[in-house]
Amino acid sequence: MTVSKRPSTSGSALRLTGVTLGIVLALLVGLLFGTPVSAETPNDIVDQLSDDGVYVARARSEVDAETLIAAVEDVRFDGLRVVVAAPIDPQPDAKAFARRIQEATSADIGLVFPKDGPLEAFVIDDLDGSKIRSTVEARAQSDPAQAVRVFAQEITSEREATRPPIVGRLITGVVLLTLALGVATVLEQLINRRRRSRRSQTISASSAHS
């Protein structure tokens, strides 16, 4: 009499456990070394920036989008086009993020308020000379909207302290030289006029005696 044996489930169970463990490990590796789910790239938000110049991530409840939009509008009336982003996890970093949104929108200024870390800015070449001072002043503001206004005000202001002394001396020299040339021209005209007048008088006297 032949006794049939039931197929053993231990091997299948072990294989199933191994597959499950592999999936769990893959997920863990992805979470540890992959791109975070909340990460943003400039391409993800450029369409929103083209509308009103402002992007605020949904999880950034501490940032008021409406006040940022109002600040951007105020700056725009002053002749500057600014785009502002408040992402959760800007990729690859906040500094590069600011440069890329500025270039993608052709704005004058790109500002990024990361969740963790200070304000980062990227500006066009014409404004680059004042960017460092403007960034420092804007970072001192606790309100992002006020930081936008301060940054724009600082970057467009011309302070005597930021101008090299030699530039001031050159300007003063040119002004003084122009004034000296003007005075010399006027004096020369007066002298020539007097000479012509005396010459006319001499000719008139000679004609009278003859």
C-alpha atoms as a PDB file:
ATOM      1  CA  MET A   1       0.000   0.000   0.000  1.00  0.00           C
ATOM      2  CA  THR A   2       1.399   3.321  -1.104  1.00  0.00           C
ATOM      3  CA  VAL A   3       0.938   6.293   1.171  1.00  0.00           C
ATOM      4  CA  SER A   4       0.833   9.684  -0.589  1.00  0.00           C
ATOM      5  CA  LYS A   5       2.727  12.497   1.050  1.00  0.00           C
ATOM      6  CA  ARG A   6       1.340  16.004   1.317  1.00  0.00           C
ATOM      7  CA  PRO A   7       3.533  18.669  -0.274  1.00  0.00           C
ATOM      8  CA  SER A   8       5.556  20.463   2.333  1.00  0.00           C
ATOM      9  CA  THR A   9       4.702  24.155   2.776  1.00  0.00           C
ATOM     10  CA  SER A  10       7.835  25.003   4.702  1.00  0.00           C
ATOM     11  CA  GLY A  11       9.853  25.702   1.529  1.00  0.00           C
ATOM     12  CA  SER A  12       7.126  27.955   0.083  1.00  0.00           C
ATOM     13  CA  ALA A  13       6.805  29.816   3.347  1.00  0.00           C
ATOM     14  CA  LEU A  14      10.516  30.417   3.468  1.00  0.00           C
ATOM     15  CA  ARG A  15      10.535  31.683  -0.115  1.00  0.00           C
ATOM     16  CA  LEU A  16       7.599  34.008   0.622  1.00  0.00           C
ATOM     17  CA  THR A  17       9.315  35.323   3.715  1.00  0.00           C
ATOM     18  CA  GLY A  18      12.464  35.991   1.710  1.00  0.00           C
ATOM     19  CA  VAL A  19      10.568  37.929  -0.980  1.00  0.00           C
ATOM     20  CA  THR A  20       8.747  40.006   1.625  1.00  0.00           C
ATOM     21  CA  LEU A  21      11.992  40.771   3.410  1.00  0.00           C
ATOM     22  CA  GLY A  22      13.561  41.843   0.119  1.00  0.00           C
ATOM     23  CA  ILE A  23      10.695  44.212  -0.622  1.00  0.00           C
ATOM     24  CA  VAL A  24      10.914  45.751   2.837  1.00  0.00           C
ATOM     25  CA  LEU A  25      14.666  46.217   2.507  1.00  0.00           C
ATOM     26  CA  ALA A  26      14.249  47.826  -0.929  1.00  0.00           C
ATOM     27  CA  LEU A  27      11.703  50.270   0.470  1.00  0.00           C
ATOM     28  CA  LEU A  28      13.979  51.127   3.355  1.00  0.00           C
ATOM     29  CA  VAL A  29      16.911  51.758   1.014  1.00  0.00           C
ATOM     30  CA  GLY A  30      14.695  53.912  -1.152  1.00  0.00           C
ATOM     31  CA  LEU A  31      13.606  55.963   1.835  1.00  0.00           C
ATOM     32  CA  LEU A  32      17.126  56.365   3.119  1.00  0.00           C
ATOM     33  CA  PHE A  33      18.936  57.127  -0.123  1.00  0.00           C
ATOM     34  CA  GLY A  34      16.291  58.050  -2.659  1.00  0.00           C
ATOM     35  CA  THR A  35      14.726  61.422  -3.387  1.00  0.00           C
ATOM     36  CA  PRO A  36      12.194  62.415  -0.704  1.00  0.00           C
ATOM     37  CA  VAL A  37       8.567  62.345  -1.702  1.00  0.00           C
ATOM     38  CA  SER A  38       8.207  66.019  -0.749  1.00  0.00           C
ATOM     39  CA  ALA A  39      11.218  67.135  -2.801  1.00  0.00           C
ATOM     40  CA  GLU A  40      10.545  69.841  -5.382  1.00  0.00           C
ATOM     41  CA  THR A  41      12.434  70.797  -8.506  1.00  0.00           C
ATOM     42  CA  PRO A  42      12.169  74.118 -10.378  1.00  0.00           C
ATOM     43  CA  ASN A  43      10.348  72.344 -13.222  1.00  0.00           C
ATOM     44  CA  ASP A  44       7.626  71.328 -10.766  1.00  0.00           C
ATOM     45  CA  ILE A  45       6.728  74.923  -9.865  1.00  0.00           C
ATOM     46  CA  VAL A  46       7.693  77.095 -12.841  1.00  0.00           C
ATOM     47  CA  ASP A  47       4.097  77.202 -14.116  1.00  0.00           C
ATOM     48  CA  GLN A  48       2.864  78.529 -10.774  1.00  0.00           C
ATOM     49  CA  LEU A  49       5.610  81.148 -10.721  1.00  0.00           C
ATOM     50  CA  SER A  50       4.543  82.412 -14.138  1.00  0.00           C
ATOM     51  CA  ASP A  51       1.078  83.240 -12.749  1.00  0.00           C
ATOM     52  CA  ASP A  52       1.750  85.487  -9.763  1.00  0.00           C
ATOM     53  CA  GLY A  53       5.457  85.001  -9.113  1.00  0.00           C
ATOM     54  CA  VAL A  54       4.947  83.029  -5.886  1.00  0.00           C
ATOM     55  CA  TYR A  55       5.049  79.349  -4.947  1.00  0.00           C
ATOM     56  CA  VAL A  56       4.329  78.138  -1.418  1.00  0.00           C
ATOM     57  CA  ALA A  57       4.277  74.409  -0.674  1.00  0.00           C
ATOM     58  CA  ARG A  58       1.047  73.170   0.896  1.00  0.00           C
ATOM     59  CA  ALA A  59       2.885  71.950   3.969  1.00  0.00           C
ATOM     60  CA  ARG A  60       4.381  75.419   4.563  1.00  0.00           C
ATOM     61  CA  SER A  61       1.459  76.686   6.627  1.00  0.00           C
ATOM     62  CA  GLU A  62       3.715  79.167   8.396  1.00  0.00           C
ATOM     63  CA  VAL A  63       4.196  81.107   5.132  1.00  0.00           C
ATOM     64  CA  ASP A  64       1.324  83.346   4.020  1.00  0.00           C
ATOM     65  CA  ALA A  65       1.108  83.161   0.232  1.00  0.00           C
ATOM     66  CA  GLU A  66      -1.197  86.184  -0.020  1.00  0.00           C
ATOM     67  CA  THR A  67       1.214  88.537   1.729  1.00  0.00           C
ATOM     68  CA  LEU A  68       4.046  87.237  -0.443  1.00  0.00           C
ATOM     69  CA  ILE A  69       2.010  87.930  -3.587  1.00  0.00           C
ATOM     70  CA  ALA A  70       1.299  91.460  -2.355  1.00  0.00           C
ATOM     71  CA  ALA A  71       5.021  92.029  -1.695  1.00  0.00           C
ATOM     72  CA  VAL A  72       5.934  90.783  -5.155  1.00  0.00           C
ATOM     73  CA  GLU A  73       3.350  93.123  -6.679  1.00  0.00           C
ATOM     74  CA  ASP A  74       4.732  96.085  -4.718  1.00  0.00           C
ATOM     75  CA  VAL A  75       8.242  95.338  -5.923  1.00  0.00           C
ATOM     76  CA  ARG A  76       6.998  94.961  -9.488  1.00  0.00           C
ATOM     77  CA  PHE A  77       5.560  98.480  -9.373  1.00  0.00           C
ATOM     78  CA  ASP A  78       9.088  99.660  -8.532  1.00  0.00           C
ATOM     79  CA  GLY A  79      10.378  98.158 -11.774  1.00  0.00           C
ATOM     80  CA  LEU A  80      11.656  94.787 -10.541  1.00  0.00           C
ATOM     81  CA  ARG A  81      10.322  91.357 -11.473  1.00  0.00           C
ATOM     82  CA  VAL A  82      10.764  88.956  -8.564  1.00  0.00           C
ATOM     83  CA  VAL A  83       9.846  85.284  -8.220  1.00  0.00           C
ATOM     84  CA  VAL A  84       9.591  83.768  -4.741  1.00  0.00           C
ATOM     85  CA  ALA A  85       9.446  80.118  -3.686  1.00  0.00           C
ATOM     86  CA  ALA A  86       8.892  78.552  -0.270  1.00  0.00           C
ATOM     87  CA  PRO A  87       9.409  74.832  -0.920  1.00  0.00           C
ATOM     88  CA  ILE A  88       9.667  71.950   1.507  1.00  0.00           C
ATOM     89  CA  ASP A  89      12.788  70.344   0.099  1.00  0.00           C
ATOM     90  CA  PRO A  90      14.295  72.310  -2.821  1.00  0.00           C
ATOM     91  CA  GLN A  91      16.429  70.189  -5.125  1.00  0.00           C
ATOM     92  CA  PRO A  92      19.378  70.039  -5.403  1.00  0.00           C
ATOM     93  CA  ASP A  93      19.646  72.819  -2.795  1.00  0.00           C
ATOM     94  CA  ALA A  94      18.121  76.231  -2.062  1.00  0.00           C
ATOM     95  CA  LYS A  95      20.931  78.213  -3.719  1.00  0.00           C
ATOM     96  CA  ALA A  96      20.744  76.292  -6.993  1.00  0.00           C
ATOM     97  CA  PHE A  97      16.942  76.353  -6.764  1.00  0.00           C
ATOM     98  CA  ALA A  98      16.983  80.174  -6.663  1.00  0.00           C
ATOM     99  CA  ARG A  99      19.230  80.338  -9.712  1.00  0.00           C
ATOM    100  CA  ARG A 100      17.094  77.930 -11.700  1.00  0.00           C
ATOM    101  CA  ILE A 101      13.762  79.612 -11.019  1.00  0.00           C
ATOM    102  CA  GLN A 102      15.283  82.983 -11.926  1.00  0.00           C
ATOM    103  CA  GLU A 103      16.618  81.620 -15.202  1.00  0.00           C
ATOM    104  CA  ALA A 104      13.436  79.672 -16.002  1.00  0.00           C
ATOM    105  CA  THR A 105      11.230  82.754 -15.572  1.00  0.00           C
ATOM    106  CA  SER A 106      13.696  85.412 -16.791  1.00  0.00           C
ATOM    107  CA  ALA A 107      12.945  87.373 -13.622  1.00  0.00           C
ATOM    108  CA  ASP A 108      15.306  89.986 -12.222  1.00  0.00           C
ATOM    109  CA  ILE A 109      15.469  88.244  -8.848  1.00  0.00           C
ATOM    110  CA  GLY A 110      14.842  84.703  -7.642  1.00  0.00           C
ATOM    111  CA  LEU A 111      14.299  84.234  -3.894  1.00  0.00           C
ATOM    112  CA  VAL A 112      13.937  80.927  -2.055  1.00  0.00           C
ATOM    113  CA  PHE A 113      12.796  80.469   1.543  1.00  0.00           C
ATOM    114  CA  PRO A 114      13.679  76.849   2.406  1.00  0.00           C
ATOM    115  CA  LYS A 115      12.011  75.025   5.261  1.00  0.00           C
ATOM    116  CA  ASP A 116      15.361  74.622   6.973  1.00  0.00           C
ATOM    117  CA  GLY A 117      18.059  77.168   6.333  1.00  0.00           C
ATOM    118  CA  PRO A 118      18.418  80.846   5.392  1.00  0.00           C
ATOM    119  CA  LEU A 119      17.027  82.757   2.456  1.00  0.00           C
ATOM    120  CA  GLU A 120      18.893  82.205  -0.820  1.00  0.00           C
ATOM    121  CA  ALA A 121      18.880  84.605  -3.772  1.00  0.00           C
ATOM    122  CA  PHE A 122      19.988  84.771  -7.383  1.00  0.00           C
ATOM    123  CA  VAL A 123      19.882  87.982  -9.421  1.00  0.00           C
ATOM    124  CA  ILE A 124      20.696  89.218 -12.906  1.00  0.00           C
ATOM    125  CA  ASP A 125      24.192  90.522 -13.597  1.00  0.00           C
ATOM    126  CA  ASP A 126      23.138  94.182 -13.391  1.00  0.00           C
ATOM    127  CA  LEU A 127      22.134  93.723  -9.742  1.00  0.00           C
ATOM    128  CA  ASP A 128      24.856  91.346  -8.644  1.00  0.00           C
ATOM    129  CA  GLY A 129      27.014  94.042  -7.055  1.00  0.00           C
ATOM    130  CA  SER A 130      24.511  94.581  -4.239  1.00  0.00           C
ATOM    131  CA  LYS A 131      23.329  91.001  -3.793  1.00  0.00           C
ATOM    132  CA  ILE A 132      25.424  90.119  -0.742  1.00  0.00           C
ATOM    133  CA  ARG A 133      24.349  93.179   1.254  1.00  0.00           C
ATOM    134  CA  SER A 134      20.729  92.738   0.195  1.00  0.00           C
ATOM    135  CA  THR A 135      20.718  89.076   1.203  1.00  0.00           C
ATOM    136  CA  VAL A 136      22.131  89.869   4.644  1.00  0.00           C
ATOM    137  CA  GLU A 137      19.506  92.567   5.241  1.00  0.00           C
ATOM    138  CA  ALA A 138      16.663  90.343   4.021  1.00  0.00           C
ATOM    139  CA  ARG A 139      17.765  87.405   6.191  1.00  0.00           C
ATOM    140  CA  ALA A 140      17.397  89.631   9.242  1.00  0.00           C
ATOM    141  CA  GLN A 141      13.635  89.817   8.619  1.00  0.00           C
ATOM    142  CA  SER A 142      11.394  87.248  10.275  1.00  0.00           C
ATOM    143  CA  ASP A 143       8.522  87.750   7.830  1.00  0.00           C
ATOM    144  CA  PRO A 144       9.147  86.470   4.281  1.00  0.00           C
ATOM    145  CA  ALA A 145       7.020  89.225   2.711  1.00  0.00           C
ATOM    146  CA  GLN A 146       9.011  91.905   4.510  1.00  0.00           C
ATOM    147  CA  ALA A 147      12.220  90.135   3.507  1.00  0.00           C
ATOM    148  CA  VAL A 148      11.178  90.422  -0.151  1.00  0.00           C
ATOM    149  CA  ARG A 149      10.568  94.164   0.200  1.00  0.00           C
ATOM    150  CA  VAL A 150      13.824  94.755   2.062  1.00  0.00           C
ATOM    151  CA  PHE A 151      15.819  92.749  -0.468  1.00  0.00           C
ATOM    152  CA  ALA A 152      14.380  94.724  -3.379  1.00  0.00           C
ATOM    153  CA  GLN A 153      14.911  98.051  -1.607  1.00  0.00           C
ATOM    154  CA  GLU A 154      18.502  97.256  -0.711  1.00  0.00           C
ATOM    155  CA  ILE A 155      19.483  95.922  -4.105  1.00  0.00           C
ATOM    156  CA  THR A 156      18.254  99.009  -5.932  1.00  0.00           C
ATOM    157  CA  SER A 157      19.579 101.603  -3.497  1.00  0.00           C
ATOM    158  CA  GLU A 158      22.833 103.421  -4.259  1.00  0.00           C
ATOM    159  CA  ARG A 159      24.787 104.032  -1.107  1.00  0.00           C
ATOM    160  CA  GLU A 160      27.836 106.249  -0.946  1.00  0.00           C
ATOM    161  CA  ALA A 161      29.533 103.720   1.314  1.00  0.00           C
ATOM    162  CA  THR A 162      29.369 100.991  -1.296  1.00  0.00           C
ATOM    163  CA  ARG A 163      30.932 103.162  -4.000  1.00  0.00           C
ATOM    164  CA  PRO A 164      34.749 103.038  -4.214  1.00  0.00           C
ATOM    165  CA  PRO A 165      36.323 106.345  -3.065  1.00  0.00           C
ATOM    166  CA  ILE A 166      38.206 106.710  -6.337  1.00  0.00           C
ATOM    167  CA  VAL A 167      34.898 106.885  -8.199  1.00  0.00           C
ATOM    168  CA  GLY A 168      33.796 109.840  -6.084  1.00  0.00           C
ATOM    169  CA  ARG A 169      37.104 111.605  -6.638  1.00  0.00           C
ATOM    170  CA  LEU A 170      36.910 111.059 -10.389  1.00  0.00           C
ATOM    171  CA  ILE A 171      33.385 112.455 -10.541  1.00  0.00           C
ATOM    172  CA  THR A 172      34.410 115.494  -8.487  1.00  0.00           C
ATOM    173  CA  GLY A 173      37.418 116.069 -10.731  1.00  0.00           C
ATOM    174  CA  VAL A 174      35.312 115.909 -13.881  1.00  0.00           C
ATOM    175  CA  VAL A 175      32.789 118.380 -12.467  1.00  0.00           C
ATOM    176  CA  LEU A 176      35.516 120.834 -11.406  1.00  0.00           C
ATOM    177  CA  LEU A 177      37.253 120.552 -14.761  1.00  0.00           C
ATOM    178  CA  THR A 178      33.990 121.220 -16.582  1.00  0.00           C
ATOM    179  CA  LEU A 179      33.351 124.300 -14.440  1.00  0.00           C
ATOM    180  CA  ALA A 180      36.900 125.576 -15.011  1.00  0.00           C
ATOM    181  CA  LEU A 181      36.570 125.169 -18.768  1.00  0.00           C
ATOM    182  CA  GLY A 182      33.243 126.985 -18.692  1.00  0.00           C
ATOM    183  CA  VAL A 183      34.675 129.914 -16.713  1.00  0.00           C
ATOM    184  CA  ALA A 184      37.707 130.091 -19.007  1.00  0.00           C
ATOM    185  CA  THR A 185      35.477 130.193 -22.077  1.00  0.00           C
ATOM    186  CA  VAL A 186      33.373 133.018 -20.653  1.00  0.00           C
ATOM    187  CA  LEU A 187      36.476 135.035 -19.693  1.00  0.00           C
ATOM    188  CA  GLU A 188      37.976 134.544 -23.139  1.00  0.00           C
ATOM    189  CA  GLN A 189      34.791 135.788 -24.772  1.00  0.00           C
ATOM    190  CA  LEU A 190      34.761 138.896 -22.535  1.00  0.00           C
ATOM    191  CA  ILE A 191      38.415 139.667 -23.295  1.00  0.00           C
ATOM    192  CA  ASN A 192      37.888 139.273 -27.035  1.00  0.00           C
ATOM    193  CA  ARG A 193      34.818 141.487 -26.859  1.00  0.00           C
ATOM    194  CA  ARG A 194      36.782 144.229 -25.084  1.00  0.00           C
ATOM    195  CA  ARG A 195      39.612 143.989 -27.602  1.00  0.00           C
ATOM    196  CA  ARG A 196      37.204 144.340 -30.499  1.00  0.00           C
ATOM    197  CA  SER A 197      35.557 147.282 -28.777  1.00  0.00           C
ATOM    198  CA  ARG A 198      38.913 149.059 -28.235  1.00  0.00           C
ATOM    199  CA  ARG A 199      39.941 148.334 -31.794  1.00  0.00           C
ATOM    200  CA  SER A 200      36.720 149.839 -33.083  1.00  0.00           C
ATOM    201  CA  GLN A 201      37.233 152.919 -30.942  1.00  0.00           C
ATOM    202  CA  THR A 202      40.806 153.332 -32.217  1.00  0.00           C
ATOM    203  CA  ILE A 203      39.700 153.069 -35.840  1.00  0.00           C
ATOM    204  CA  SER A 204      36.897 155.567 -35.238  1.00  0.00           C
ATOM    205  CA  ALA A 205      39.335 158.053 -33.642  1.00  0.00           C
ATOM    206  CA  SER A 206      41.793 157.708 -36.499  1.00  0.00           C
ATOM    207  CA  SER A 207      39.064 158.347 -39.028  1.00  0.00           C
ATOM    208  CA  ALA A 208      37.926 161.449 -37.154  1.00  0.00           C
ATOM    209  CA  HIS A 209      41.438 162.963 -37.109  1.00  0.00           C
ATOM    210  CA  SER A 210      41.973 162.336 -40.781  1.00  0.00           C
END
